[in-house]
mmCIF file of all heavy atoms, coordinates in Angstrom:
data_MODEL
# 
_entry.id   MODEL 
# 
loop_
_atom_site.group_PDB 
_atom_site.id 
_atom_site.type_symbol 
_atom_site.label_atom_id 
_atom_site.label_alt_id 
_atom_site.label_comp_id 
_atom_site.label_asym_id 
_atom_site.label_entity_id 
_atom_site.label_seq_id 
_atom_site.pdbx_PDB_ins_code 
_atom_site.Cartn_x 
_atom_site.Cartn_y 
_atom_site.Cartn_z 
_atom_site.occupancy 
_atom_site.B_iso_or_equiv 
_atom_site.pdbx_formal_charge 
_atom_site.auth_seq_id 
_atom_site.auth_comp_id 
_atom_site.auth_asym_id 
_atom_site.auth_atom_id 
_atom_site.pdbx_PDB_model_num 
ATOM 1   N N   . GLY A 1 1  ? 81.670  -5.715  5.886   1.00 0.00 ? 1  GLY A N   1 
ATOM 2   C CA  . GLY A 1 1  ? 81.135  -6.186  4.686   1.00 0.00 ? 1  GLY A CA  1 
ATOM 3   C C   . GLY A 1 1  ? 79.653  -5.572  4.447   1.00 0.00 ? 1  GLY A C   1 
ATOM 4   O O   . GLY A 1 1  ? 79.040  -5.193  5.269   1.00 0.00 ? 1  GLY A O   1 
ATOM 5   N N   . GLY A 1 2  ? 79.235  -5.635  3.161   1.00 0.00 ? 2  GLY A N   1 
ATOM 6   C CA  . GLY A 1 2  ? 77.928  -5.196  2.785   1.00 0.00 ? 2  GLY A CA  1 
ATOM 7   C C   . GLY A 1 2  ? 77.663  -5.108  1.232   1.00 0.00 ? 2  GLY A C   1 
ATOM 8   O O   . GLY A 1 2  ? 78.454  -5.669  0.514   1.00 0.00 ? 2  GLY A O   1 
ATOM 9   N N   . LEU A 1 3  ? 76.656  -4.433  0.945   1.00 0.00 ? 3  LEU A N   1 
ATOM 10  C CA  . LEU A 1 3  ? 76.286  -4.093  -0.477  1.00 0.00 ? 3  LEU A CA  1 
ATOM 11  C C   . LEU A 1 3  ? 76.636  -2.753  -0.853  1.00 0.00 ? 3  LEU A C   1 
ATOM 12  O O   . LEU A 1 3  ? 76.347  -1.708  -0.192  1.00 0.00 ? 3  LEU A O   1 
ATOM 13  C CB  . LEU A 1 3  ? 74.800  -4.406  -0.644  1.00 0.00 ? 3  LEU A CB  1 
ATOM 14  C CG  . LEU A 1 3  ? 74.216  -4.093  -2.131  1.00 0.00 ? 3  LEU A CG  1 
ATOM 15  C CD1 . LEU A 1 3  ? 74.681  -4.990  -3.057  1.00 0.00 ? 3  LEU A CD1 1 
ATOM 16  C CD2 . LEU A 1 3  ? 72.590  -4.146  -1.970  1.00 0.00 ? 3  LEU A CD2 1 
ATOM 17  N N   . VAL A 1 4  ? 77.306  -2.621  -2.047  1.00 0.00 ? 4  VAL A N   1 
ATOM 18  C CA  . VAL A 1 4  ? 77.871  -1.278  -2.556  1.00 0.00 ? 4  VAL A CA  1 
ATOM 19  C C   . VAL A 1 4  ? 77.649  -1.405  -4.021  1.00 0.00 ? 4  VAL A C   1 
ATOM 20  O O   . VAL A 1 4  ? 77.893  -2.480  -4.727  1.00 0.00 ? 4  VAL A O   1 
ATOM 21  C CB  . VAL A 1 4  ? 79.233  -1.053  -2.097  1.00 0.00 ? 4  VAL A CB  1 
ATOM 22  C CG1 . VAL A 1 4  ? 80.218  -2.026  -2.558  1.00 0.00 ? 4  VAL A CG1 1 
ATOM 23  C CG2 . VAL A 1 4  ? 79.589  0.348   -2.468  1.00 0.00 ? 4  VAL A CG2 1 
ATOM 24  N N   . GLN A 1 5  ? 77.397  -0.159  -4.667  1.00 0.00 ? 5  GLN A N   1 
ATOM 25  C CA  . GLN A 1 5  ? 77.380  -0.140  -6.037  1.00 0.00 ? 5  GLN A CA  1 
ATOM 26  C C   . GLN A 1 5  ? 78.818  -0.051  -6.621  1.00 0.00 ? 5  GLN A C   1 
ATOM 27  O O   . GLN A 1 5  ? 79.794  0.493   -5.984  1.00 0.00 ? 5  GLN A O   1 
ATOM 28  C CB  . GLN A 1 5  ? 76.567  1.187   -6.572  1.00 0.00 ? 5  GLN A CB  1 
ATOM 29  C CG  . GLN A 1 5  ? 75.128  1.106   -6.236  1.00 0.00 ? 5  GLN A CG  1 
ATOM 30  C CD  . GLN A 1 5  ? 74.351  2.268   -6.728  1.00 0.00 ? 5  GLN A CD  1 
ATOM 31  O OE1 . GLN A 1 5  ? 74.764  3.407   -6.624  1.00 0.00 ? 5  GLN A OE1 1 
ATOM 32  N NE2 . GLN A 1 5  ? 73.287  2.036   -7.495  1.00 0.00 ? 5  GLN A NE2 1 
ATOM 33  N N   . ALA A 1 6  ? 78.840  -0.372  -7.931  1.00 0.00 ? 6  ALA A N   1 
ATOM 34  C CA  . ALA A 1 6  ? 80.069  -0.346  -8.641  1.00 0.00 ? 6  ALA A CA  1 
ATOM 35  C C   . ALA A 1 6  ? 80.732  0.996   -8.544  1.00 0.00 ? 6  ALA A C   1 
ATOM 36  O O   . ALA A 1 6  ? 79.956  2.102   -8.713  1.00 0.00 ? 6  ALA A O   1 
ATOM 37  C CB  . ALA A 1 6  ? 80.038  -0.760  -10.127 1.00 0.00 ? 6  ALA A CB  1 
ATOM 38  N N   . GLY A 1 7  ? 82.074  1.146   -8.220  1.00 0.00 ? 7  GLY A N   1 
ATOM 39  C CA  . GLY A 1 7  ? 82.706  2.506   -8.074  1.00 0.00 ? 7  GLY A CA  1 
ATOM 40  C C   . GLY A 1 7  ? 82.621  3.004   -6.595  1.00 0.00 ? 7  GLY A C   1 
ATOM 41  O O   . GLY A 1 7  ? 83.370  4.016   -6.309  1.00 0.00 ? 7  GLY A O   1 
ATOM 42  N N   . GLY A 1 8  ? 81.900  2.406   -5.765  1.00 0.00 ? 8  GLY A N   1 
ATOM 43  C CA  . GLY A 1 8  ? 81.868  2.779   -4.437  1.00 0.00 ? 8  GLY A CA  1 
ATOM 44  C C   . GLY A 1 8  ? 83.007  2.194   -3.476  1.00 0.00 ? 8  GLY A C   1 
ATOM 45  O O   . GLY A 1 8  ? 83.954  1.612   -4.012  1.00 0.00 ? 8  GLY A O   1 
ATOM 46  N N   . SER A 1 9  ? 82.902  2.445   -2.193  1.00 0.00 ? 9  SER A N   1 
ATOM 47  C CA  . SER A 1 9  ? 83.992  2.108   -1.316  1.00 0.00 ? 9  SER A CA  1 
ATOM 48  C C   . SER A 1 9  ? 83.396  1.343   -0.078  1.00 0.00 ? 9  SER A C   1 
ATOM 49  O O   . SER A 1 9  ? 82.166  1.548   0.401   1.00 0.00 ? 9  SER A O   1 
ATOM 50  C CB  . SER A 1 9  ? 84.787  3.330   -0.769  1.00 0.00 ? 9  SER A CB  1 
ATOM 51  O OG  . SER A 1 9  ? 85.298  3.931   -1.905  1.00 0.00 ? 9  SER A OG  1 
ATOM 52  N N   . LEU A 1 10 ? 84.228  0.371   0.517   1.00 0.00 ? 10 LEU A N   1 
ATOM 53  C CA  . LEU A 1 10 ? 83.981  -0.210  1.741   1.00 0.00 ? 10 LEU A CA  1 
ATOM 54  C C   . LEU A 1 10 ? 85.301  -0.329  2.498   1.00 0.00 ? 10 LEU A C   1 
ATOM 55  O O   . LEU A 1 10 ? 86.285  -0.324  1.795   1.00 0.00 ? 10 LEU A O   1 
ATOM 56  C CB  . LEU A 1 10 ? 83.377  -1.493  1.629   1.00 0.00 ? 10 LEU A CB  1 
ATOM 57  C CG  . LEU A 1 10 ? 81.920  -1.653  1.296   1.00 0.00 ? 10 LEU A CG  1 
ATOM 58  C CD1 . LEU A 1 10 ? 81.536  -3.155  0.911   1.00 0.00 ? 10 LEU A CD1 1 
ATOM 59  C CD2 . LEU A 1 10 ? 81.039  -1.107  2.230   1.00 0.00 ? 10 LEU A CD2 1 
ATOM 60  N N   . ARG A 1 11 ? 85.259  -0.255  3.879   1.00 0.00 ? 11 ARG A N   1 
ATOM 61  C CA  . ARG A 1 11 ? 86.391  -0.581  4.703   1.00 0.00 ? 11 ARG A CA  1 
ATOM 62  C C   . ARG A 1 11 ? 86.018  -1.835  5.589   1.00 0.00 ? 11 ARG A C   1 
ATOM 63  O O   . ARG A 1 11 ? 85.078  -1.828  6.362   1.00 0.00 ? 11 ARG A O   1 
ATOM 64  C CB  . ARG A 1 11 ? 86.673  0.621   5.645   1.00 0.00 ? 11 ARG A CB  1 
ATOM 65  C CG  . ARG A 1 11 ? 88.178  0.248   6.288   1.00 0.00 ? 11 ARG A CG  1 
ATOM 66  C CD  . ARG A 1 11 ? 88.472  1.412   7.132   1.00 0.00 ? 11 ARG A CD  1 
ATOM 67  N NE  . ARG A 1 11 ? 87.786  1.516   8.499   1.00 0.00 ? 11 ARG A NE  1 
ATOM 68  C CZ  . ARG A 1 11 ? 88.224  2.111   9.499   1.00 0.00 ? 11 ARG A CZ  1 
ATOM 69  N NH1 . ARG A 1 11 ? 89.369  2.794   9.542   1.00 0.00 ? 11 ARG A NH1 1 
ATOM 70  N NH2 . ARG A 1 11 ? 87.477  2.145   10.585  1.00 0.00 ? 11 ARG A NH2 1 
ATOM 71  N N   . LEU A 1 12 ? 86.929  -2.813  5.425   1.00 0.00 ? 12 LEU A N   1 
ATOM 72  C CA  . LEU A 1 12 ? 86.732  -4.096  6.263   1.00 0.00 ? 12 LEU A CA  1 
ATOM 73  C C   . LEU A 1 12 ? 87.709  -3.962  7.466   1.00 0.00 ? 12 LEU A C   1 
ATOM 74  O O   . LEU A 1 12 ? 88.656  -3.386  7.325   1.00 0.00 ? 12 LEU A O   1 
ATOM 75  C CB  . LEU A 1 12 ? 87.212  -5.261  5.443   1.00 0.00 ? 12 LEU A CB  1 
ATOM 76  C CG  . LEU A 1 12 ? 86.449  -5.427  4.176   1.00 0.00 ? 12 LEU A CG  1 
ATOM 77  C CD1 . LEU A 1 12 ? 86.669  -6.850  3.545   1.00 0.00 ? 12 LEU A CD1 1 
ATOM 78  C CD2 . LEU A 1 12 ? 84.921  -5.396  4.376   1.00 0.00 ? 12 LEU A CD2 1 
ATOM 79  N N   . SER A 1 13 ? 87.282  -4.550  8.636   1.00 0.00 ? 13 SER A N   1 
ATOM 80  C CA  . SER A 1 13 ? 88.129  -4.520  9.715   1.00 0.00 ? 13 SER A CA  1 
ATOM 81  C C   . SER A 1 13 ? 88.227  -5.923  10.269  1.00 0.00 ? 13 SER A C   1 
ATOM 82  O O   . SER A 1 13 ? 87.408  -6.819  10.045  1.00 0.00 ? 13 SER A O   1 
ATOM 83  C CB  . SER A 1 13 ? 87.477  -3.742  10.918  1.00 0.00 ? 13 SER A CB  1 
ATOM 84  O OG  . SER A 1 13 ? 87.225  -2.417  10.585  1.00 0.00 ? 13 SER A OG  1 
ATOM 85  N N   . CYS A 1 14 ? 89.388  -6.191  10.834  1.00 0.00 ? 14 CYS A N   1 
ATOM 86  C CA  . CYS A 1 14 ? 89.731  -7.619  11.389  1.00 0.00 ? 14 CYS A CA  1 
ATOM 87  C C   . CYS A 1 14 ? 90.400  -7.334  12.801  1.00 0.00 ? 14 CYS A C   1 
ATOM 88  O O   . CYS A 1 14 ? 91.447  -6.893  12.947  1.00 0.00 ? 14 CYS A O   1 
ATOM 89  C CB  . CYS A 1 14 ? 90.580  -8.370  10.526  1.00 0.00 ? 14 CYS A CB  1 
ATOM 90  S SG  . CYS A 1 14 ? 91.160  -10.005 11.046  1.00 0.00 ? 14 CYS A SG  1 
ATOM 91  N N   . ALA A 1 15 ? 89.648  -7.732  13.818  1.00 0.00 ? 15 ALA A N   1 
ATOM 92  C CA  . ALA A 1 15 ? 89.940  -7.543  15.141  1.00 0.00 ? 15 ALA A CA  1 
ATOM 93  C C   . ALA A 1 15 ? 90.673  -8.972  15.587  1.00 0.00 ? 15 ALA A C   1 
ATOM 94  O O   . ALA A 1 15 ? 90.050  -9.936  15.469  1.00 0.00 ? 15 ALA A O   1 
ATOM 95  C CB  . ALA A 1 15 ? 88.888  -7.257  16.139  1.00 0.00 ? 15 ALA A CB  1 
ATOM 96  N N   . ALA A 1 16 ? 91.806  -8.891  16.247  1.00 0.00 ? 16 ALA A N   1 
ATOM 97  C CA  . ALA A 1 16 ? 92.549  -10.084 16.704  1.00 0.00 ? 16 ALA A CA  1 
ATOM 98  C C   . ALA A 1 16 ? 92.658  -10.103 18.106  1.00 0.00 ? 16 ALA A C   1 
ATOM 99  O O   . ALA A 1 16 ? 92.944  -9.084  18.835  1.00 0.00 ? 16 ALA A O   1 
ATOM 100 C CB  . ALA A 1 16 ? 93.954  -10.068 15.879  1.00 0.00 ? 16 ALA A CB  1 
ATOM 101 N N   . SER A 1 17 ? 92.671  -11.346 18.595  1.00 0.00 ? 17 SER A N   1 
ATOM 102 C CA  . SER A 1 17 ? 92.886  -11.574 20.101  1.00 0.00 ? 17 SER A CA  1 
ATOM 103 C C   . SER A 1 17 ? 94.237  -11.845 20.434  1.00 0.00 ? 17 SER A C   1 
ATOM 104 O O   . SER A 1 17 ? 94.647  -12.123 21.630  1.00 0.00 ? 17 SER A O   1 
ATOM 105 C CB  . SER A 1 17 ? 91.911  -12.716 20.602  1.00 0.00 ? 17 SER A CB  1 
ATOM 106 O OG  . SER A 1 17 ? 92.365  -13.983 19.949  1.00 0.00 ? 17 SER A OG  1 
ATOM 107 N N   . ARG A 1 18 ? 95.130  -12.057 19.348  1.00 0.00 ? 18 ARG A N   1 
ATOM 108 C CA  . ARG A 1 18 ? 96.540  -12.489 19.565  1.00 0.00 ? 18 ARG A CA  1 
ATOM 109 C C   . ARG A 1 18 ? 97.290  -11.507 20.478  1.00 0.00 ? 18 ARG A C   1 
ATOM 110 O O   . ARG A 1 18 ? 97.311  -10.327 20.396  1.00 0.00 ? 18 ARG A O   1 
ATOM 111 C CB  . ARG A 1 18 ? 97.175  -12.627 18.217  1.00 0.00 ? 18 ARG A CB  1 
ATOM 112 C CG  . ARG A 1 18 ? 98.662  -12.570 18.161  1.00 0.00 ? 18 ARG A CG  1 
ATOM 113 C CD  . ARG A 1 18 ? 99.155  -13.263 16.802  1.00 0.00 ? 18 ARG A CD  1 
ATOM 114 N NE  . ARG A 1 18 ? 99.294  -14.683 16.912  1.00 0.00 ? 18 ARG A NE  1 
ATOM 115 C CZ  . ARG A 1 18 ? 99.503  -15.427 15.919  1.00 0.00 ? 18 ARG A CZ  1 
ATOM 116 N NH1 . ARG A 1 18 ? 99.490  -14.929 14.697  1.00 0.00 ? 18 ARG A NH1 1 
ATOM 117 N NH2 . ARG A 1 18 ? 99.632  -16.645 16.073  1.00 0.00 ? 18 ARG A NH2 1 
ATOM 118 N N   . ARG A 1 19 ? 98.133  -12.123 21.518  1.00 0.00 ? 19 ARG A N   1 
ATOM 119 C CA  . ARG A 1 19 ? 99.091  -11.421 22.040  1.00 0.00 ? 19 ARG A CA  1 
ATOM 120 C C   . ARG A 1 19 ? 100.317 -11.082 21.217  1.00 0.00 ? 19 ARG A C   1 
ATOM 121 O O   . ARG A 1 19 ? 100.555 -11.764 20.149  1.00 0.00 ? 19 ARG A O   1 
ATOM 122 C CB  . ARG A 1 19 ? 99.790  -12.270 23.165  1.00 0.00 ? 19 ARG A CB  1 
ATOM 123 C CG  . ARG A 1 19 ? 98.811  -12.638 24.252  1.00 0.00 ? 19 ARG A CG  1 
ATOM 124 C CD  . ARG A 1 19 ? 99.377  -13.453 25.345  1.00 0.00 ? 19 ARG A CD  1 
ATOM 125 N NE  . ARG A 1 19 ? 98.656  -13.762 26.544  1.00 0.00 ? 19 ARG A NE  1 
ATOM 126 C CZ  . ARG A 1 19 ? 98.996  -14.506 27.616  1.00 0.00 ? 19 ARG A CZ  1 
ATOM 127 N NH1 . ARG A 1 19 ? 100.179 -15.061 27.629  1.00 0.00 ? 19 ARG A NH1 1 
ATOM 128 N NH2 . ARG A 1 19 ? 98.040  -14.742 28.573  1.00 0.00 ? 19 ARG A NH2 1 
ATOM 129 N N   . SER A 1 20 ? 100.992 -9.903  21.517  1.00 0.00 ? 20 SER A N   1 
ATOM 130 C CA  . SER A 1 20 ? 102.065 -9.415  20.634  1.00 0.00 ? 20 SER A CA  1 
ATOM 131 C C   . SER A 1 20 ? 101.680 -9.312  19.227  1.00 0.00 ? 20 SER A C   1 
ATOM 132 O O   . SER A 1 20 ? 102.340 -9.756  18.292  1.00 0.00 ? 20 SER A O   1 
ATOM 133 C CB  . SER A 1 20 ? 103.255 -10.334 20.755  1.00 0.00 ? 20 SER A CB  1 
ATOM 134 O OG  . SER A 1 20 ? 103.714 -10.441 22.068  1.00 0.00 ? 20 SER A OG  1 
ATOM 135 N N   . PHE A 1 21 ? 100.509 -8.683  19.047  1.00 0.00 ? 21 PHE A N   1 
ATOM 136 C CA  . PHE A 1 21 ? 99.826  -8.498  17.722  1.00 0.00 ? 21 PHE A CA  1 
ATOM 137 C C   . PHE A 1 21 ? 100.835 -7.975  16.684  1.00 0.00 ? 21 PHE A C   1 
ATOM 138 O O   . PHE A 1 21 ? 100.883 -8.278  15.547  1.00 0.00 ? 21 PHE A O   1 
ATOM 139 C CB  . PHE A 1 21 ? 98.583  -7.619  17.836  1.00 0.00 ? 21 PHE A CB  1 
ATOM 140 C CG  . PHE A 1 21 ? 98.024  -7.220  16.528  1.00 0.00 ? 21 PHE A CG  1 
ATOM 141 C CD1 . PHE A 1 21 ? 97.132  -8.234  15.886  1.00 0.00 ? 21 PHE A CD1 1 
ATOM 142 C CD2 . PHE A 1 21 ? 98.038  -5.949  15.995  1.00 0.00 ? 21 PHE A CD2 1 
ATOM 143 C CE1 . PHE A 1 21 ? 96.575  -7.860  14.704  1.00 0.00 ? 21 PHE A CE1 1 
ATOM 144 C CE2 . PHE A 1 21 ? 97.499  -5.744  14.809  1.00 0.00 ? 21 PHE A CE2 1 
ATOM 145 C CZ  . PHE A 1 21 ? 96.709  -6.574  14.120  1.00 0.00 ? 21 PHE A CZ  1 
ATOM 146 N N   . SER A 1 22 ? 101.687 -6.946  17.175  1.00 0.00 ? 22 SER A N   1 
ATOM 147 C CA  . SER A 1 22 ? 102.632 -6.268  16.292  1.00 0.00 ? 22 SER A CA  1 
ATOM 148 C C   . SER A 1 22 ? 103.673 -7.161  15.719  1.00 0.00 ? 22 SER A C   1 
ATOM 149 O O   . SER A 1 22 ? 104.332 -6.700  14.780  1.00 0.00 ? 22 SER A O   1 
ATOM 150 C CB  . SER A 1 22 ? 103.165 -4.908  16.888  1.00 0.00 ? 22 SER A CB  1 
ATOM 151 O OG  . SER A 1 22 ? 103.943 -5.393  18.018  1.00 0.00 ? 22 SER A OG  1 
ATOM 152 N N   . SER A 1 23 ? 103.918 -8.280  16.225  1.00 0.00 ? 23 SER A N   1 
ATOM 153 C CA  . SER A 1 23 ? 104.896 -9.359  15.744  1.00 0.00 ? 23 SER A CA  1 
ATOM 154 C C   . SER A 1 23 ? 104.490 -10.186 14.707  1.00 0.00 ? 23 SER A C   1 
ATOM 155 O O   . SER A 1 23 ? 105.275 -10.878 14.150  1.00 0.00 ? 23 SER A O   1 
ATOM 156 C CB  . SER A 1 23 ? 105.398 -10.115 16.942  1.00 0.00 ? 23 SER A CB  1 
ATOM 157 O OG  . SER A 1 23 ? 105.996 -9.343  17.972  1.00 0.00 ? 23 SER A OG  1 
ATOM 158 N N   . TYR A 1 24 ? 103.139 -9.999  14.277  1.00 0.00 ? 24 TYR A N   1 
ATOM 159 C CA  . TYR A 1 24 ? 102.637 -10.904 13.277  1.00 0.00 ? 24 TYR A CA  1 
ATOM 160 C C   . TYR A 1 24 ? 102.098 -10.163 12.166  1.00 0.00 ? 24 TYR A C   1 
ATOM 161 O O   . TYR A 1 24 ? 101.478 -9.132  12.197  1.00 0.00 ? 24 TYR A O   1 
ATOM 162 C CB  . TYR A 1 24 ? 101.521 -11.767 13.911  1.00 0.00 ? 24 TYR A CB  1 
ATOM 163 C CG  . TYR A 1 24 ? 102.124 -12.724 14.937  1.00 0.00 ? 24 TYR A CG  1 
ATOM 164 C CD1 . TYR A 1 24 ? 102.101 -12.333 16.374  1.00 0.00 ? 24 TYR A CD1 1 
ATOM 165 C CD2 . TYR A 1 24 ? 102.472 -13.908 14.707  1.00 0.00 ? 24 TYR A CD2 1 
ATOM 166 C CE1 . TYR A 1 24 ? 102.631 -13.058 17.321  1.00 0.00 ? 24 TYR A CE1 1 
ATOM 167 C CE2 . TYR A 1 24 ? 103.083 -14.788 15.652  1.00 0.00 ? 24 TYR A CE2 1 
ATOM 168 C CZ  . TYR A 1 24 ? 103.133 -14.365 16.967  1.00 0.00 ? 24 TYR A CZ  1 
ATOM 169 O OH  . TYR A 1 24 ? 103.551 -15.153 17.920  1.00 0.00 ? 24 TYR A OH  1 
ATOM 170 N N   . ALA A 1 25 ? 102.316 -10.761 10.803  1.00 0.00 ? 25 ALA A N   1 
ATOM 171 C CA  . ALA A 1 25 ? 101.690 -10.180 9.618   1.00 0.00 ? 25 ALA A CA  1 
ATOM 172 C C   . ALA A 1 25 ? 100.191 -10.511 9.627   1.00 0.00 ? 25 ALA A C   1 
ATOM 173 O O   . ALA A 1 25 ? 99.699  -11.404 10.241  1.00 0.00 ? 25 ALA A O   1 
ATOM 174 C CB  . ALA A 1 25 ? 102.289 -10.858 8.487   1.00 0.00 ? 25 ALA A CB  1 
ATOM 175 N N   . MET A 1 26 ? 99.461  -9.698  9.001   1.00 0.00 ? 26 MET A N   1 
ATOM 176 C CA  . MET A 1 26 ? 98.014  -9.770  8.791   1.00 0.00 ? 26 MET A CA  1 
ATOM 177 C C   . MET A 1 26 ? 97.721  -9.713  7.299   1.00 0.00 ? 26 MET A C   1 
ATOM 178 O O   . MET A 1 26 ? 98.453  -9.063  6.603   1.00 0.00 ? 26 MET A O   1 
ATOM 179 C CB  . MET A 1 26 ? 97.231  -8.724  9.485   1.00 0.00 ? 26 MET A CB  1 
ATOM 180 C CG  . MET A 1 26 ? 97.452  -8.776  10.958  1.00 0.00 ? 26 MET A CG  1 
ATOM 181 S SD  . MET A 1 26 ? 96.627  -10.222 11.842  1.00 0.00 ? 26 MET A SD  1 
ATOM 182 C CE  . MET A 1 26 ? 94.814  -9.687  11.506  1.00 0.00 ? 26 MET A CE  1 
# 
């Protein structure tokens, strides 16, 4: 997250500790 001007872009990341990560929706 952060500050961006209208029309700009950001990429958010979410790191998970869950086992069998690919079995769960995010």
